[in-house]
Amino acid sequence: MSGTVIVVGATGAVGAALARRRAAQGDRVVLVARDPERVAALAAGLPGSLAVVADAMDAAALHAAVAAAGPSVSGLAYCAGSIALKPLKRTREADFLDAFRLNALGAAIAVQAAQDALVAAKGSVVLFSTVAARAGFPNHAAIAAAKAAVEGLTVALAAELAPAVRVNCIAPSLTRSAMAAPLTGNAQMAEAIAKQHPIPRLGEGEDSAALADFLLSPAAGWITGQVFAVDGGRSTVRSRG
């Protein structure tokens, strides 16, 4: 049965892949992103979709964008995020605050704005963390702290919104995207990072989108409060060699 699904951060690699999947299944997809041209181009290829321009760092604009979806929302995916990599000595207070505002606070605001509509539809929420929230990597203090907050938010909201709304989280490893271009744009660096995974490649947007698609669907109707790694085994498996 089709419904209305909101994708915040819809023009990113994961968000766009997820939007296409949900639209292919007949959902009305509300695409929320900050770049007017990119979100309009994405919407043009998804009949029936609605493009809404909003910056996830602007709480009022984000709230209004999510509320524009209407009174019944079957799914919400908060795919907006950042990669803020600095050694601790160079990480400013503003870096920590910005990472938290975009990744954790933005997710909370989006769910808050859609809460009544999600309850009305008995919907599902998918948030995004990172492998770095649980596996320690150098230079990740700001982003790891913010994404760990997302994981805490996931279980808190799963408890508060049950049984009407399911809330789950996906924790990917490095995924090819415009955001990750400083790390993946160099072929030698990308190859080195890929080899750090037991399945030795970088993630693609479709990897996380496939799981998000499932978690938003009725097929995942008895799953809530979980954090799922989509990371080529990096968080748990030791590769040979």
C-alpha atoms as a PDB file:
ATOM      1  CA  MET A   1       0.000   0.000   0.000  1.00  0.00           C
ATOM      2  CA  SER A   2       1.452   3.373  -0.994  1.00  0.00           C
ATOM      3  CA  GLY A   3       1.831   6.297   1.371  1.00  0.00           C
ATOM      4  CA  THR A   4       3.770   9.496   1.878  1.00  0.00           C
ATOM      5  CA  VAL A   5       7.476   9.234   2.677  1.00  0.00           C
ATOM      6  CA  ILE A   6       9.668  12.194   3.632  1.00  0.00           C
ATOM      7  CA  VAL A   7      13.354  12.074   2.754  1.00  0.00           C
ATOM      8  CA  VAL A   8      15.428  14.802   4.393  1.00  0.00           C
ATOM      9  CA  GLY A   9      18.759  15.174   2.641  1.00  0.00           C
ATOM     10  CA  ALA A  10      17.167  13.857  -0.513  1.00  0.00           C
ATOM     11  CA  THR A  11      19.904  14.922  -2.926  1.00  0.00           C
ATOM     12  CA  GLY A  12      22.680  12.971  -1.200  1.00  0.00           C
ATOM     13  CA  ALA A  13      23.802   9.559  -2.403  1.00  0.00           C
ATOM     14  CA  VAL A  14      21.688   7.610   0.106  1.00  0.00           C
ATOM     15  CA  GLY A  15      18.724   9.988   0.115  1.00  0.00           C
ATOM     16  CA  ALA A  16      18.378  10.032  -3.674  1.00  0.00           C
ATOM     17  CA  ALA A  17      18.680   6.246  -3.935  1.00  0.00           C
ATOM     18  CA  LEU A  18      16.039   5.796  -1.237  1.00  0.00           C
ATOM     19  CA  ALA A  19      13.697   8.338  -2.844  1.00  0.00           C
ATOM     20  CA  ARG A  20      13.868   6.468  -6.139  1.00  0.00           C
ATOM     21  CA  ARG A  21      13.131   3.170  -4.419  1.00  0.00           C
ATOM     22  CA  ARG A  22      10.088   4.503  -2.583  1.00  0.00           C
ATOM     23  CA  ALA A  23       8.746   6.297  -5.657  1.00  0.00           C
ATOM     24  CA  ALA A  24       9.073   3.078  -7.669  1.00  0.00           C
ATOM     25  CA  GLN A  25       6.800   1.404  -5.124  1.00  0.00           C
ATOM     26  CA  GLY A  26       4.146   4.054  -5.593  1.00  0.00           C
ATOM     27  CA  ASP A  27       4.827   6.278  -2.606  1.00  0.00           C
ATOM     28  CA  ARG A  28       4.418  10.028  -2.746  1.00  0.00           C
ATOM     29  CA  VAL A  29       7.926  11.172  -1.850  1.00  0.00           C
ATOM     30  CA  VAL A  30       8.522  14.540  -0.210  1.00  0.00           C
ATOM     31  CA  LEU A  31      12.077  15.545  -1.079  1.00  0.00           C
ATOM     32  CA  VAL A  32      13.683  17.952   1.406  1.00  0.00           C
ATOM     33  CA  ALA A  33      17.066  19.441   0.540  1.00  0.00           C
ATOM     34  CA  ARG A  34      18.824  22.796   0.598  1.00  0.00           C
ATOM     35  CA  ASP A  35      19.903  23.062  -3.058  1.00  0.00           C
ATOM     36  CA  PRO A  36      16.922  24.230  -5.175  1.00  0.00           C
ATOM     37  CA  GLU A  37      18.336  23.086  -8.518  1.00  0.00           C
ATOM     38  CA  ARG A  38      19.391  19.628  -7.379  1.00  0.00           C
ATOM     39  CA  VAL A  39      16.172  18.846  -5.535  1.00  0.00           C
ATOM     40  CA  ALA A  40      14.097  20.099  -8.484  1.00  0.00           C
ATOM     41  CA  ALA A  41      16.078  17.886 -10.865  1.00  0.00           C
ATOM     42  CA  LEU A  42      15.523  14.864  -8.629  1.00  0.00           C
ATOM     43  CA  ALA A  43      11.802  15.589  -8.343  1.00  0.00           C
ATOM     44  CA  ALA A  44      11.507  15.905 -12.125  1.00  0.00           C
ATOM     45  CA  GLY A  45      12.412  12.229 -12.441  1.00  0.00           C
ATOM     46  CA  LEU A  46      10.021  11.050  -9.739  1.00  0.00           C
ATOM     47  CA  PRO A  47       6.380  11.556 -10.795  1.00  0.00           C
ATOM     48  CA  GLY A  48       4.136  12.686  -7.969  1.00  0.00           C
ATOM     49  CA  SER A  49       7.004  13.756  -5.734  1.00  0.00           C
ATOM     50  CA  LEU A  50       7.142  17.098  -3.940  1.00  0.00           C
ATOM     51  CA  ALA A  51      10.367  19.132  -3.725  1.00  0.00           C
ATOM     52  CA  VAL A  52      10.750  21.324  -0.638  1.00  0.00           C
ATOM     53  CA  VAL A  53      13.788  23.553  -0.195  1.00  0.00           C
ATOM     54  CA  ALA A  54      15.021  23.748   3.392  1.00  0.00           C
ATOM     55  CA  ASP A  55      18.352  23.708   5.213  1.00  0.00           C
ATOM     56  CA  ALA A  56      18.415  21.111   7.992  1.00  0.00           C
ATOM     57  CA  MET A  57      20.457  23.573  10.072  1.00  0.00           C
ATOM     58  CA  ASP A  58      17.469  25.970  10.064  1.00  0.00           C
ATOM     59  CA  ALA A  59      15.092  24.535  12.650  1.00  0.00           C
ATOM     60  CA  ALA A  60      12.060  26.582  11.619  1.00  0.00           C
ATOM     61  CA  ALA A  61      12.526  25.864   7.907  1.00  0.00           C
ATOM     62  CA  LEU A  62      13.042  22.152   8.552  1.00  0.00           C
ATOM     63  CA  HIS A  63       9.946  21.966  10.730  1.00  0.00           C
ATOM     64  CA  ALA A  64       7.864  23.710   8.060  1.00  0.00           C
ATOM     65  CA  ALA A  65       9.258  21.503   5.271  1.00  0.00           C
ATOM     66  CA  VAL A  66       8.400  18.280   7.096  1.00  0.00           C
ATOM     67  CA  ALA A  67       4.967  19.576   8.107  1.00  0.00           C
ATOM     68  CA  ALA A  68       4.234  20.311   4.431  1.00  0.00           C
ATOM     69  CA  ALA A  69       3.985  16.562   3.799  1.00  0.00           C
ATOM     70  CA  GLY A  70       0.444  16.514   5.143  1.00  0.00           C
ATOM     71  CA  PRO A  71      -1.549  14.807   7.905  1.00  0.00           C
ATOM     72  CA  SER A  72      -0.456  11.230   7.225  1.00  0.00           C
ATOM     73  CA  VAL A  73       3.177  10.163   6.808  1.00  0.00           C
ATOM     74  CA  SER A  74       4.069   6.495   6.427  1.00  0.00           C
ATOM     75  CA  GLY A  75       7.822   7.027   6.548  1.00  0.00           C
ATOM     76  CA  LEU A  76      10.522   9.536   7.420  1.00  0.00           C
ATOM     77  CA  ALA A  77      14.203   9.110   6.599  1.00  0.00           C
ATOM     78  CA  TYR A  78      16.623  11.714   7.929  1.00  0.00           C
ATOM     79  CA  CYS A  79      19.573  11.297   5.554  1.00  0.00           C
ATOM     80  CA  ALA A  80      21.186  14.699   6.112  1.00  0.00           C
ATOM     81  CA  GLY A  81      24.645  14.520   7.641  1.00  0.00           C
ATOM     82  CA  SER A  82      28.232  15.674   7.633  1.00  0.00           C
ATOM     83  CA  ILE A  83      31.800  14.436   7.765  1.00  0.00           C
ATOM     84  CA  ALA A  84      33.739  16.716  10.107  1.00  0.00           C
ATOM     85  CA  LEU A  85      37.266  15.363  10.456  1.00  0.00           C
ATOM     86  CA  LYS A  86      39.825  17.223  12.573  1.00  0.00           C
ATOM     87  CA  PRO A  87      42.315  16.305  15.283  1.00  0.00           C
ATOM     88  CA  LEU A  88      40.957  17.199  18.709  1.00  0.00           C
ATOM     89  CA  LYS A  89      43.459  20.036  19.185  1.00  0.00           C
ATOM     90  CA  ARG A  90      42.054  21.767  16.096  1.00  0.00           C
ATOM     91  CA  THR A  91      38.391  21.026  16.746  1.00  0.00           C
ATOM     92  CA  ARG A  92      36.579  24.146  17.887  1.00  0.00           C
ATOM     93  CA  GLU A  93      33.475  24.373  20.016  1.00  0.00           C
ATOM     94  CA  ALA A  94      31.594  25.462  16.882  1.00  0.00           C
ATOM     95  CA  ASP A  95      32.630  22.241  15.116  1.00  0.00           C
ATOM     96  CA  PHE A  96      31.065  20.131  17.863  1.00  0.00           C
ATOM     97  CA  LEU A  97      27.924  22.262  17.951  1.00  0.00           C
ATOM     98  CA  ASP A  98      27.471  22.290  14.166  1.00  0.00           C
ATOM     99  CA  ALA A  99      27.895  18.510  13.958  1.00  0.00           C
ATOM    100  CA  PHE A 100      25.342  18.022  16.712  1.00  0.00           C
ATOM    101  CA  ARG A 101      22.864  20.499  15.224  1.00  0.00           C
ATOM    102  CA  LEU A 102      22.903  18.927  11.773  1.00  0.00           C
ATOM    103  CA  ASN A 103      23.097  15.255  12.655  1.00  0.00           C
ATOM    104  CA  ALA A 104      21.238  14.871  15.960  1.00  0.00           C
ATOM    105  CA  LEU A 105      19.162  17.982  16.578  1.00  0.00           C
ATOM    106  CA  GLY A 106      17.983  18.098  12.957  1.00  0.00           C
ATOM    107  CA  ALA A 107      16.847  14.490  13.201  1.00  0.00           C
ATOM    108  CA  ALA A 108      14.941  15.223  16.404  1.00  0.00           C
ATOM    109  CA  ILE A 109      13.248  18.271  14.891  1.00  0.00           C
ATOM    110  CA  ALA A 110      12.247  16.348  11.762  1.00  0.00           C
ATOM    111  CA  VAL A 111      10.620  13.580  13.799  1.00  0.00           C
ATOM    112  CA  GLN A 112       8.959  16.119  16.080  1.00  0.00           C
ATOM    113  CA  ALA A 113       7.486  17.943  13.084  1.00  0.00           C
ATOM    114  CA  ALA A 114       6.154  14.708  11.580  1.00  0.00           C
ATOM    115  CA  GLN A 115       5.136  13.006  14.829  1.00  0.00           C
ATOM    116  CA  ASP A 116       1.369  13.397  14.574  1.00  0.00           C
ATOM    117  CA  ALA A 117       1.375  12.447  10.893  1.00  0.00           C
ATOM    118  CA  LEU A 118       3.550   9.402  11.593  1.00  0.00           C
ATOM    119  CA  VAL A 119       1.261   8.283  14.422  1.00  0.00           C
ATOM    120  CA  ALA A 120      -1.773   8.692  12.158  1.00  0.00           C
ATOM    121  CA  ALA A 121      -0.220   6.370   9.564  1.00  0.00           C
ATOM    122  CA  LYS A 122       1.504   4.023  12.050  1.00  0.00           C
ATOM    123  CA  GLY A 123       4.667   4.945  10.206  1.00  0.00           C
ATOM    124  CA  SER A 124       8.374   4.272  10.426  1.00  0.00           C
ATOM    125  CA  VAL A 125      11.461   6.441  10.955  1.00  0.00           C
ATOM    126  CA  VAL A 126      15.023   5.764   9.790  1.00  0.00           C
ATOM    127  CA  LEU A 127      17.915   7.836  11.136  1.00  0.00           C
ATOM    128  CA  PHE A 128      21.600   7.638  10.210  1.00  0.00           C
ATOM    129  CA  SER A 129      24.668   7.191  12.375  1.00  0.00           C
ATOM    130  CA  THR A 130      28.162   6.100  11.307  1.00  0.00           C
ATOM    131  CA  VAL A 131      30.558   3.233  11.939  1.00  0.00           C
ATOM    132  CA  ALA A 132      32.711   5.795  13.793  1.00  0.00           C
ATOM    133  CA  ALA A 133      30.138   6.136  16.585  1.00  0.00           C
ATOM    134  CA  ARG A 134      31.177   2.738  17.943  1.00  0.00           C
ATOM    135  CA  ALA A 135      34.532   1.985  16.311  1.00  0.00           C
ATOM    136  CA  GLY A 136      37.172   4.514  17.302  1.00  0.00           C
ATOM    137  CA  PHE A 137      38.948   6.396  14.512  1.00  0.00           C
ATOM    138  CA  PRO A 138      41.377   9.309  14.858  1.00  0.00           C
ATOM    139  CA  ASN A 139      40.128  12.820  13.973  1.00  0.00           C
ATOM    140  CA  HIS A 140      36.461  11.826  14.372  1.00  0.00           C
ATOM    141  CA  ALA A 141      35.680  13.374  17.779  1.00  0.00           C
ATOM    142  CA  ALA A 142      33.018  15.854  16.606  1.00  0.00           C
ATOM    143  CA  ILE A 143      31.183  13.616  14.162  1.00  0.00           C
ATOM    144  CA  ALA A 144      31.440  10.478  16.319  1.00  0.00           C
ATOM    145  CA  ALA A 145      29.971  12.331  19.293  1.00  0.00           C
ATOM    146  CA  ALA A 146      27.114  13.705  17.188  1.00  0.00           C
ATOM    147  CA  LYS A 147      26.303  10.375  15.574  1.00  0.00           C
ATOM    148  CA  ALA A 148      26.460   8.576  18.924  1.00  0.00           C
ATOM    149  CA  ALA A 149      23.777  11.049  19.989  1.00  0.00           C
ATOM    150  CA  VAL A 150      21.710   9.915  16.990  1.00  0.00           C
ATOM    151  CA  GLU A 151      21.922   6.333  18.228  1.00  0.00           C
ATOM    152  CA  GLY A 152      20.740   7.433  21.670  1.00  0.00           C
ATOM    153  CA  LEU A 153      17.952   9.421  20.052  1.00  0.00           C
ATOM    154  CA  THR A 154      16.908   6.336  18.095  1.00  0.00           C
ATOM    155  CA  VAL A 155      16.290   4.158  21.127  1.00  0.00           C
ATOM    156  CA  ALA A 156      14.664   7.001  23.074  1.00  0.00           C
ATOM    157  CA  LEU A 157      12.211   7.760  20.274  1.00  0.00           C
ATOM    158  CA  ALA A 158      11.553   4.068  19.662  1.00  0.00           C
ATOM    159  CA  ALA A 159      10.436   3.817  23.289  1.00  0.00           C
ATOM    160  CA  GLU A 160       8.436   7.038  23.303  1.00  0.00           C
ATOM    161  CA  LEU A 161       6.623   6.518  20.003  1.00  0.00           C
ATOM    162  CA  ALA A 162       5.854   2.800  20.361  1.00  0.00           C
ATOM    163  CA  PRO A 163       3.672   1.082  19.422  1.00  0.00           C
ATOM    164  CA  ALA A 164       2.433   3.478  16.745  1.00  0.00           C
ATOM    165  CA  VAL A 165       5.779   4.433  15.183  1.00  0.00           C
ATOM    166  CA  ARG A 166       8.894   2.343  14.646  1.00  0.00           C
ATOM    167  CA  VAL A 167      12.301   4.063  14.849  1.00  0.00           C
ATOM    168  CA  ASN A 168      15.552   2.500  13.631  1.00  0.00           C
ATOM    169  CA  CYS A 169      19.037   3.644  12.675  1.00  0.00           C
ATOM    170  CA  ILE A 170      21.610   2.719  10.035  1.00  0.00           C
ATOM    171  CA  ALA A 171      25.342   3.129  10.686  1.00  0.00           C
ATOM    172  CA  PRO A 172      27.274   3.065   7.394  1.00  0.00           C
ATOM    173  CA  SER A 173      30.986   3.116   6.775  1.00  0.00           C
ATOM    174  CA  LEU A 174      32.465   5.514   4.221  1.00  0.00           C
ATOM    175  CA  THR A 175      30.119   5.796   1.254  1.00  0.00           C
ATOM    176  CA  ARG A 176      30.817   7.332  -2.142  1.00  0.00           C
ATOM    177  CA  SER A 177      29.100  10.713  -2.207  1.00  0.00           C
ATOM    178  CA  ALA A 178      29.742  14.385  -2.835  1.00  0.00           C
ATOM    179  CA  MET A 179      30.155  14.834   0.926  1.00  0.00           C
ATOM    180  CA  ALA A 180      32.865  12.176   1.047  1.00  0.00           C
ATOM    181  CA  ALA A 181      34.680  13.447  -2.058  1.00  0.00           C
ATOM    182  CA  PRO A 182      37.669  14.820  -0.087  1.00  0.00           C
ATOM    183  CA  LEU A 183      38.344  11.239   1.039  1.00  0.00           C
ATOM    184  CA  THR A 184      37.212   9.259  -1.996  1.00  0.00           C
ATOM    185  CA  GLY A 185      38.135  11.634  -4.816  1.00  0.00           C
ATOM    186  CA  ASN A 186      41.745  10.513  -4.739  1.00  0.00           C
ATOM    187  CA  ALA A 187      41.928   7.022  -6.219  1.00  0.00           C
ATOM    188  CA  GLN A 188      44.900   5.943  -4.100  1.00  0.00           C
ATOM    189  CA  MET A 189      43.254   7.125  -0.881  1.00  0.00           C
ATOM    190  CA  ALA A 190      39.934   5.524  -1.831  1.00  0.00           C
ATOM    191  CA  GLU A 191      41.659   2.200  -2.497  1.00  0.00           C
ATOM    192  CA  ALA A 192      43.462   2.336   0.850  1.00  0.00           C
ATOM    193  CA  ILE A 193      40.232   2.997   2.733  1.00  0.00           C
ATOM    194  CA  ALA A 194      38.416   0.264   0.812  1.00  0.00           C
ATOM    195  CA  LYS A 195      41.062  -2.266   1.910  1.00  0.00           C
ATOM    196  CA  GLN A 196      40.272  -1.509   5.552  1.00  0.00           C
ATOM    197  CA  HIS A 197      36.939  -3.333   5.106  1.00  0.00           C
ATOM    198  CA  PRO A 198      36.635  -7.142   5.173  1.00  0.00           C
ATOM    199  CA  ILE A 199      34.509  -6.701   2.051  1.00  0.00           C
ATOM    200  CA  PRO A 200      37.136  -4.502   0.407  1.00  0.00           C
ATOM    201  CA  ARG A 201      35.228  -1.709  -1.239  1.00  0.00           C
ATOM    202  CA  LEU A 202      33.623   1.596  -0.343  1.00  0.00           C
ATOM    203  CA  GLY A 203      29.931   1.825   0.319  1.00  0.00           C
ATOM    204  CA  GLU A 204      27.487   2.974  -2.340  1.00  0.00           C
ATOM    205  CA  GLY A 205      24.311   4.932  -1.732  1.00  0.00           C
ATOM    206  CA  GLU A 206      22.267   1.883  -2.683  1.00  0.00           C
ATOM    207  CA  ASP A 207      23.797  -0.184   0.120  1.00  0.00           C
ATOM    208  CA  SER A 208      22.227   1.897   2.871  1.00  0.00           C
ATOM    209  CA  ALA A 209      19.162   2.821   0.815  1.00  0.00           C
ATOM    210  CA  ALA A 210      18.244  -0.852   0.395  1.00  0.00           C
ATOM    211  CA  LEU A 211      18.154  -1.360   4.157  1.00  0.00           C
ATOM    212  CA  ALA A 212      16.339   1.925   4.764  1.00  0.00           C
ATOM    213  CA  ASP A 213      13.754   0.902   2.176  1.00  0.00           C
ATOM    214  CA  PHE A 214      13.161  -2.346   4.052  1.00  0.00           C
ATOM    215  CA  LEU A 215      12.963  -0.632   7.456  1.00  0.00           C
ATOM    216  CA  LEU A 216      10.352   1.796   6.140  1.00  0.00           C
ATOM    217  CA  SER A 217       8.237  -1.039   4.791  1.00  0.00           C
ATOM    218  CA  PRO A 218       5.588  -3.178   6.520  1.00  0.00           C
ATOM    219  CA  ALA A 219       7.959  -6.136   6.116  1.00  0.00           C
ATOM    220  CA  ALA A 220       9.970  -4.680   9.024  1.00  0.00           C
ATOM    221  CA  GLY A 221       6.867  -4.327  11.175  1.00  0.00           C
ATOM    222  CA  TRP A 222       8.403  -6.009  14.268  1.00  0.00           C
ATOM    223  CA  ILE A 223      11.708  -4.143  14.209  1.00  0.00           C
ATOM    224  CA  THR A 224      12.270  -1.000  16.256  1.00  0.00           C
ATOM    225  CA  GLY A 225      14.964   0.610  18.381  1.00  0.00           C
ATOM    226  CA  GLN A 226      17.808  -1.030  16.428  1.00  0.00           C
ATOM    227  CA  VAL A 227      21.092   0.251  15.007  1.00  0.00           C
ATOM    228  CA  PHE A 228      22.185  -1.656  11.900  1.00  0.00           C
ATOM    229  CA  ALA A 229      25.736  -1.544  10.542  1.00  0.00           C
ATOM    230  CA  VAL A 230      26.114  -1.274   6.767  1.00  0.00           C
ATOM    231  CA  ASP A 231      29.871  -1.168   6.746  1.00  0.00           C
ATOM    232  CA  GLY A 232      31.396  -4.090   4.887  1.00  0.00           C
ATOM    233  CA  GLY A 233      32.137  -5.724   8.239  1.00  0.00           C
ATOM    234  CA  ARG A 234      34.470  -2.930   9.340  1.00  0.00           C
ATOM    235  CA  SER A 235      32.967  -2.547  12.817  1.00  0.00           C
ATOM    236  CA  THR A 236      33.004  -6.218  13.792  1.00  0.00           C
ATOM    237  CA  VAL A 237      35.090  -8.408  11.459  1.00  0.00           C
ATOM    238  CA  ARG A 238      38.853  -8.647  11.269  1.00  0.00           C
ATOM    239  CA  SER A 239      40.053  -9.019   7.700  1.00  0.00           C
ATOM    240  CA  ARG A 240      42.839 -11.439   6.892  1.00  0.00           C
ATOM    241  CA  GLY A 241      46.297 -10.139   6.213  1.00  0.00           C
END
